[in-house]
Protein backbone atom coordinates (compact mmCIF):
# COMPACT_ATOMS: atom_id res chain seq x y z
CA UNK A 1 50.88 -4.61 32.53
CA UNK A 2 47.40 -4.60 33.99
CA UNK A 3 48.42 -6.71 37.03
CA UNK A 4 48.64 -5.64 40.67
CA UNK A 5 51.80 -7.06 42.30
CA UNK A 6 52.38 -7.42 46.04
CA UNK A 7 55.62 -8.37 47.79
CA UNK A 8 56.04 -12.06 48.58
CA UNK A 9 54.65 -12.79 52.04
CA UNK A 10 52.72 -9.50 52.29
CA UNK A 11 49.81 -9.47 54.74
CA UNK A 12 47.34 -6.61 55.22
CA UNK A 13 47.50 -4.64 58.42
CA UNK A 14 45.09 -5.96 61.04
CA UNK A 15 43.56 -2.48 61.35
CA UNK A 16 42.24 -2.69 57.78
CA UNK A 17 38.67 -3.93 57.88
CA UNK A 18 37.02 -6.20 55.35
CA UNK A 19 33.66 -4.40 55.28
CA UNK A 20 32.46 -3.08 51.90
CA UNK A 21 33.87 0.25 50.81
CA UNK A 22 31.48 3.20 50.76
CA UNK A 23 29.79 3.76 47.42
CA UNK A 24 31.76 6.24 45.33
CA UNK A 25 29.49 8.87 43.79
CA UNK A 26 30.75 11.62 41.54
CA UNK A 27 29.82 15.11 42.79
CA UNK A 28 28.73 15.97 39.24
CA UNK A 29 27.04 13.75 36.68
CA UNK A 30 28.23 15.56 33.55
CA UNK A 31 30.60 18.30 32.39
CA UNK A 32 29.76 19.20 28.78
CA UNK A 33 31.06 22.19 26.87
CA UNK A 34 28.87 25.04 25.67
CA UNK A 35 28.09 25.32 21.98
CA UNK A 36 30.70 28.03 21.45
CA UNK A 37 28.45 29.90 19.03
CA UNK A 38 29.73 33.30 20.17
CA UNK A 39 33.30 32.43 21.11
CA UNK A 40 35.46 29.80 22.74
CA UNK A 41 33.39 27.00 24.34
CA UNK A 42 33.37 26.88 28.12
CA UNK A 43 33.13 23.83 30.37
CA UNK A 44 29.83 23.61 32.24
CA UNK A 45 30.00 21.38 35.30
CA UNK A 46 26.55 20.24 36.41
CA UNK A 47 25.52 20.85 40.02
CA UNK A 48 23.78 17.50 40.45
CA UNK A 49 25.67 14.39 41.65
CA UNK A 50 26.07 11.24 39.59
CA UNK A 51 22.84 9.63 40.83
CA UNK A 52 19.72 8.82 38.79
CA UNK A 53 16.47 7.65 40.37
CA UNK A 54 15.45 4.82 38.07
CA UNK A 55 12.05 4.54 39.77
CA UNK A 56 11.10 8.12 38.90
CA UNK A 57 9.12 9.03 35.80
CA UNK A 58 11.74 9.70 33.07
CA UNK A 59 9.69 12.67 31.86
CA UNK A 60 9.88 14.44 28.48
CA UNK A 61 7.39 11.94 27.07
CA UNK A 62 9.89 9.07 27.37
CA UNK A 63 8.68 5.55 27.99
CA UNK A 64 10.45 2.62 29.61
CA UNK A 65 11.89 -0.14 27.43
CA UNK A 66 11.12 1.79 24.26
CA UNK A 67 13.07 2.95 21.20
CA UNK A 68 14.57 6.43 20.86
CA UNK A 69 16.12 8.13 17.83
CA UNK A 70 18.99 10.49 18.68
CA UNK A 71 20.85 11.42 15.47
CA UNK A 72 22.85 14.25 17.08
CA UNK A 73 26.46 13.94 18.32
CA UNK A 74 26.92 12.58 21.84
CA UNK A 75 29.55 15.20 22.64
CA UNK A 76 26.74 17.77 22.79
CA UNK A 77 24.74 18.18 25.96
CA UNK A 78 21.19 17.31 24.90
CA UNK A 79 21.91 14.08 22.97
CA UNK A 80 24.15 12.87 25.80
CA UNK A 81 21.79 13.84 28.62
CA UNK A 82 18.61 12.41 27.14
CA UNK A 83 20.34 9.26 25.90
CA UNK A 84 21.73 8.65 29.38
CA UNK A 85 18.29 9.03 30.94
CA UNK A 86 16.80 6.77 28.28
CA UNK A 87 19.39 4.02 28.77
CA UNK A 88 18.85 3.76 32.52
CA UNK A 89 15.16 3.37 31.72
CA UNK A 90 15.80 0.42 29.43
CA UNK A 91 15.45 2.14 26.08
CA UNK A 92 17.10 1.07 22.85
CA UNK A 93 18.79 4.13 21.33
CA UNK A 94 19.30 4.57 17.59
CA UNK A 95 22.30 6.82 16.87
CA UNK A 96 24.34 7.80 13.82
CA UNK A 97 28.03 8.29 13.08
CA UNK A 98 27.09 11.58 11.44
CA UNK A 99 23.70 13.08 10.72
CA UNK A 100 22.26 12.29 7.31
CA UNK A 101 18.67 13.15 6.43
CA UNK A 102 18.02 10.15 4.16
CA UNK A 103 19.60 7.74 6.64
CA UNK A 104 17.54 9.23 9.48
CA UNK A 105 14.28 8.65 7.61
CA UNK A 106 15.34 5.11 6.76
CA UNK A 107 16.26 4.43 10.40
CA UNK A 108 12.88 5.71 11.62
CA UNK A 109 11.14 3.36 9.22
CA UNK A 110 13.33 0.39 10.19
CA UNK A 111 13.66 0.79 13.97
CA UNK A 112 10.29 2.46 14.65
CA UNK A 113 11.26 4.83 17.48
CA UNK A 114 8.52 6.51 19.49
CA UNK A 115 10.74 9.41 20.65
CA UNK A 116 13.19 11.56 18.68
CA UNK A 117 15.50 14.51 19.40
CA UNK A 118 16.40 17.00 16.65
CA UNK A 119 17.74 20.49 16.05
CA UNK A 120 16.25 22.83 13.41
CA UNK A 121 19.13 22.22 10.98
CA UNK A 122 18.24 18.53 10.95
CA UNK A 123 14.56 19.34 10.52
CA UNK A 124 15.35 21.49 7.48
CA UNK A 125 17.53 18.83 5.85
CA UNK A 126 14.88 16.17 6.39
CA UNK A 127 12.19 18.30 4.74
CA UNK A 128 14.55 18.88 1.80
CA UNK A 129 14.46 15.12 1.07
CA UNK A 130 12.11 15.05 -1.89
CA UNK A 131 10.02 12.05 -0.80
CA UNK A 132 10.37 12.45 2.98
CA UNK A 133 6.63 12.01 3.53
CA UNK A 134 6.67 8.62 1.82
CA UNK A 135 8.62 7.06 4.72
CA UNK A 136 6.70 5.31 7.49
CA UNK A 137 7.06 7.61 10.51
CA UNK A 138 3.86 6.48 12.22
CA UNK A 139 5.77 5.12 15.24
CA UNK A 140 6.83 8.63 16.31
CA UNK A 141 4.81 9.94 19.24
CA UNK A 142 7.17 12.60 20.63
CA UNK A 143 9.58 14.74 18.57
CA UNK A 144 11.64 17.30 20.49
CA UNK A 145 13.63 20.11 18.91
CA UNK A 146 15.94 22.54 20.70
CA UNK A 147 19.41 24.18 20.66
CA UNK A 148 18.57 26.92 18.12
CA UNK A 149 15.58 29.02 17.01
CA UNK A 150 13.29 27.16 14.60
CA UNK A 151 11.93 29.16 11.64
CA UNK A 152 8.14 29.41 11.84
CA UNK A 153 7.59 28.10 8.31
CA UNK A 154 9.73 25.03 9.08
CA UNK A 155 7.87 24.27 12.29
CA UNK A 156 4.56 24.58 10.46
CA UNK A 157 5.80 22.03 7.92
CA UNK A 158 6.54 19.52 10.69
CA UNK A 159 3.25 20.16 12.47
CA UNK A 160 1.40 19.60 9.19
CA UNK A 161 3.39 16.42 8.57
CA UNK A 162 3.36 14.70 11.97
CA UNK A 163 0.68 16.57 13.94
CA UNK A 164 0.95 19.37 16.47
CA UNK A 165 0.43 17.06 19.44
CA UNK A 166 3.71 15.26 18.62
CA UNK A 167 6.03 18.27 18.17
CA UNK A 168 7.65 19.74 21.29
CA UNK A 169 10.15 22.58 21.67
CA UNK A 170 12.41 23.21 24.65
CA UNK A 171 14.37 26.37 25.39
CA UNK A 172 17.10 26.33 28.03
CA UNK A 173 20.85 26.39 28.32
CA UNK A 174 23.23 23.61 29.22
CA UNK A 175 23.38 25.55 32.49
CA UNK A 176 19.70 24.68 33.22
CA UNK A 177 18.74 27.69 35.34
CA UNK A 178 15.27 27.72 33.77
CA UNK A 179 13.37 25.82 31.07
CA UNK A 180 10.45 26.62 28.75
CA UNK A 181 8.42 24.06 26.81
CA UNK A 182 5.71 24.38 24.16
CA UNK A 183 3.75 21.72 22.25
CA UNK A 184 3.00 22.15 18.56
CA UNK A 185 -0.73 22.73 18.92
CA UNK A 186 -0.03 25.33 21.63
CA UNK A 187 2.53 26.95 19.35
CA UNK A 188 -0.10 27.45 16.64
CA UNK A 189 -1.96 29.70 19.08
CA UNK A 190 1.28 31.52 20.06
CA UNK A 191 3.20 31.39 16.78
CA UNK A 192 6.93 31.87 17.27
CA UNK A 193 6.98 31.31 21.02
CA UNK A 194 9.25 28.85 22.82
CA UNK A 195 6.67 28.47 25.59
CA UNK A 196 6.32 29.39 29.24
CA UNK A 197 8.81 28.47 31.98
CA UNK A 198 8.06 25.09 33.53
CA UNK A 199 11.17 25.27 35.74
CA UNK A 200 12.77 28.39 37.17
CA UNK A 201 11.97 31.97 36.16
CA UNK A 202 12.67 34.19 33.16
CA UNK A 203 12.47 37.93 32.60
CA UNK A 204 13.69 40.49 30.07
CA UNK A 205 16.04 43.35 30.97
CA UNK A 206 16.45 46.37 28.68
CA UNK A 207 19.66 48.16 27.67
CA UNK A 208 19.43 50.44 30.73
CA UNK A 209 19.28 47.49 33.12
CA UNK A 210 15.57 47.81 33.89
CA UNK A 211 12.88 45.15 33.67
CA UNK A 212 11.39 45.44 30.19
CA UNK A 213 7.60 45.68 29.80
CA UNK A 214 5.67 42.93 28.01
CA UNK A 215 6.39 42.89 24.28
CA UNK A 216 9.68 44.83 24.45
CA UNK A 217 12.85 43.14 23.19
CA UNK A 218 15.76 42.92 25.60
CA UNK A 219 18.20 40.45 27.12
CA UNK A 220 16.66 37.32 28.63
CA UNK A 221 17.67 36.54 32.21
CA UNK A 222 16.95 33.33 34.13
CA UNK A 223 16.91 32.24 37.75
CA UNK A 224 16.74 28.72 39.17
CA UNK A 225 14.16 27.91 41.88
CA UNK A 226 15.16 28.88 45.42
CA UNK A 227 18.59 30.06 44.28
CA UNK A 228 19.60 26.49 43.49
CA UNK A 229 23.08 26.10 41.97
CA UNK A 230 22.65 24.18 38.71
CA UNK A 231 26.21 24.41 37.37
CA UNK A 232 29.58 26.12 37.53
CA UNK A 233 31.76 27.33 34.68
CA UNK A 234 35.37 26.53 33.86
CA UNK A 235 36.88 29.02 31.42
CA UNK A 236 34.30 31.79 31.80
CA UNK A 237 32.35 33.82 34.32
CA UNK A 238 28.57 33.90 34.53
CA UNK A 239 26.79 37.15 33.64
CA UNK A 240 24.78 37.68 36.82
CA UNK A 241 22.74 40.44 38.45
CA UNK A 242 23.07 41.27 42.14
CA UNK A 243 19.86 39.41 42.94
CA UNK A 244 20.85 36.17 41.23
CA UNK A 245 19.45 36.43 37.69
CA UNK A 246 21.74 35.08 34.94
CA UNK A 247 21.98 35.68 31.20
CA UNK A 248 22.97 33.21 28.51
CA UNK A 249 23.28 36.05 26.00
CA UNK A 250 19.92 35.56 24.28
CA UNK A 251 17.64 38.37 23.13
CA UNK A 252 13.87 38.14 23.17
CA UNK A 253 10.62 39.30 24.70
CA UNK A 254 7.76 38.01 26.85
CA UNK A 255 4.11 38.67 26.00
CA UNK A 256 1.25 39.56 28.34
CA UNK A 257 0.43 35.87 28.84
CA UNK A 258 3.97 34.95 29.89
CA UNK A 259 5.02 33.26 26.64
CA UNK A 260 8.71 33.72 25.77
CA UNK A 261 9.83 34.69 22.25
CA UNK A 262 13.45 34.64 21.04
CA UNK A 263 14.99 37.03 18.54
CA UNK A 264 18.71 36.16 18.46
CA UNK A 265 21.99 36.06 20.34
CA UNK A 266 22.98 39.41 21.84
CA UNK A 267 26.48 39.16 20.37
CA UNK A 268 25.12 38.41 16.88
CA UNK A 269 22.75 41.38 16.59
CA UNK A 270 23.75 43.74 13.76
CA UNK A 271 23.41 47.51 14.02
CA UNK A 272 22.98 48.78 10.46
CA UNK A 273 21.95 52.35 9.66
CA UNK A 274 20.69 52.78 13.23
CA UNK A 275 18.41 49.69 13.06
CA UNK A 276 18.79 46.48 15.05
CA UNK A 277 18.81 43.46 12.74
CA UNK A 278 18.61 39.92 14.07
CA UNK A 279 20.45 37.43 11.82
CA UNK A 280 18.14 34.54 12.75
CA UNK A 281 15.15 36.34 11.21
CA UNK A 282 16.98 36.93 7.92
CA UNK A 283 18.38 33.39 7.88
CA UNK A 284 14.90 31.97 8.39
CA UNK A 285 13.70 33.74 5.23
CA UNK A 286 16.76 32.67 3.21
CA UNK A 287 16.52 29.03 4.31
CA UNK A 288 12.96 28.85 2.97
CA UNK A 289 14.27 29.38 -0.58
CA UNK A 290 14.42 26.13 -2.59
CA UNK A 291 17.85 24.49 -2.84
CA UNK A 292 19.23 26.38 0.19
CA UNK A 293 20.60 24.03 2.83
CA UNK A 294 21.62 26.65 5.38
CA UNK A 295 22.68 30.27 5.73
CA UNK A 296 24.55 32.61 8.04
CA UNK A 297 24.01 36.35 8.16
CA UNK A 298 26.71 38.68 9.48
CA UNK A 299 27.49 42.39 9.52
CA UNK A 300 30.52 43.66 7.60
CA UNK A 301 32.01 47.16 8.04
CA UNK A 302 30.39 49.88 5.95
CA UNK A 303 31.36 53.58 5.95
CA UNK A 304 27.79 54.72 5.43
CA UNK A 305 25.70 52.25 7.47
CA UNK A 306 28.24 51.17 10.07
CA UNK A 307 27.56 47.57 9.09
CA UNK A 308 26.11 46.13 5.90
CA UNK A 309 24.16 42.89 5.93
CA UNK A 310 26.06 40.04 4.26
CA UNK A 311 24.60 36.56 3.72
CA UNK A 312 26.65 33.40 3.36
CA UNK A 313 24.47 30.76 1.71
CA UNK A 314 25.04 27.01 1.55
CA UNK A 315 23.38 25.57 -1.55
CA UNK A 316 22.53 21.97 -2.32
CA UNK A 317 25.08 20.36 -4.63
CA UNK A 318 24.54 21.09 -8.31
CA UNK A 319 22.31 24.15 -7.92
CA UNK A 320 23.04 27.77 -8.81
CA UNK A 321 21.22 30.79 -7.38
CA UNK A 322 21.89 34.42 -8.32
CA UNK A 323 21.91 37.46 -6.07
CA UNK A 324 18.92 38.92 -7.90
CA UNK A 325 16.87 35.73 -7.57
CA UNK A 326 17.38 35.55 -3.84
CA UNK A 327 17.01 39.28 -3.30
CA UNK A 328 13.67 39.27 -5.15
CA UNK A 329 12.48 36.32 -3.06
CA UNK A 330 13.42 38.05 0.18
CA UNK A 331 11.67 41.27 -0.88
CA UNK A 332 8.38 39.42 -0.36
CA UNK A 333 9.35 38.29 3.15
CA UNK A 334 11.49 41.00 4.74
CA UNK A 335 11.36 44.77 5.05
CA UNK A 336 13.87 46.44 2.76
CA UNK A 337 16.55 47.33 5.31
CA UNK A 338 16.81 43.69 6.45
CA UNK A 339 17.58 42.33 2.97
CA UNK A 340 21.32 41.54 2.62
CA UNK A 341 23.35 43.96 0.53
CA UNK A 342 25.66 41.15 -0.58
CA UNK A 343 25.55 37.37 -0.95
CA UNK A 344 28.17 34.65 -0.94
CA UNK A 345 27.26 31.19 -2.25
CA UNK A 346 28.95 27.85 -1.63
CA UNK A 347 28.36 24.23 -0.67
CA UNK A 348 30.46 24.03 2.50
CA UNK A 349 28.42 23.39 5.70
CA UNK A 350 27.90 26.49 7.83
CA UNK A 351 26.58 24.77 10.95
CA UNK A 352 27.83 21.89 13.04
CA UNK A 353 25.83 18.75 13.79
CA UNK A 354 24.16 20.51 16.72
CA UNK A 355 22.90 23.29 14.44
CA UNK A 356 25.32 25.89 15.81
CA UNK A 357 26.81 28.58 13.58
CA UNK A 358 29.83 30.62 14.64
CA UNK A 359 28.96 33.98 13.12
CA UNK A 360 31.76 35.80 14.94
CA UNK A 361 34.35 33.58 13.25
CA UNK A 362 32.68 33.92 9.85
CA UNK A 363 32.80 37.69 10.26
CA UNK A 364 36.43 37.70 11.38
CA UNK A 365 37.40 35.62 8.32
CA UNK A 366 35.92 38.30 6.03
CA UNK A 367 37.29 41.48 7.58
């Protein structure tokens, strides 16, 4: 096994040359799956070949021969992509078998990374560590977060802790048709925004299929520069307009200055009593409550309202919270019709290591 055997006395044909074989280059450099937050994950095959220009600026605030902290799972697109780029630029990468907030803080203090990649779920768990500010995080110069909406109060906590000039947010899909970026100090002037497009184009289309005016919520569509093909799907079809705009299924709006704001996933929006309710907004308010580790808000059938708002809440081990306590807390943060009618408490994780929650499955399990 493992050996190549040739017949005794075999000689190669004289027509076979001994010049070097042409370099074999893969037509695609990666083929990750989507997050699967609204259904079965699809395979996304990148449109770029397996070639990296090691002389080019690595971008994203990366340095050469530095130290990066990537606590997310390598089977997700962002940790894999940025770690690959970092490795070919000589970086030492600090990873984890599984994300743990205390271990992450200890690793930052020990390995002194200058660059780190997180998702909001990780950011929340780190801030829930009682003495998280006592760790030496002075080496960090660039902290990126992406993959899910970040609650405003949580982002403010990180900006206050590390400084707005170090916190960066990126919004895009694995498909990479378009990308927005915003730095923390810019975010303070445009609170809640994910930034302006730095690659490709974005626009908002309303329920009638028309371009939505500034400030109106609709479905976000993207288009790559010059019609460039950035990917192809296996296991799904792209949602595309006739003139080449594509949707990832996100809802949001764009202000007069071109800053993009997200509300939620189109498939997760809840219609209750004639009002559109975005789970991410309600979850953001719930997650701010002490001892809450995460939450997921879904709509359950209701004869009167069509759907009633139901919150599934993951608590820290050893803590008890009542419906009335949480409902009273939310009354100071949400309008009345957005406050869940029912709560369900537990300690089982609701999100995966990439911060994704599968609300459709949670809903199906409860109907």
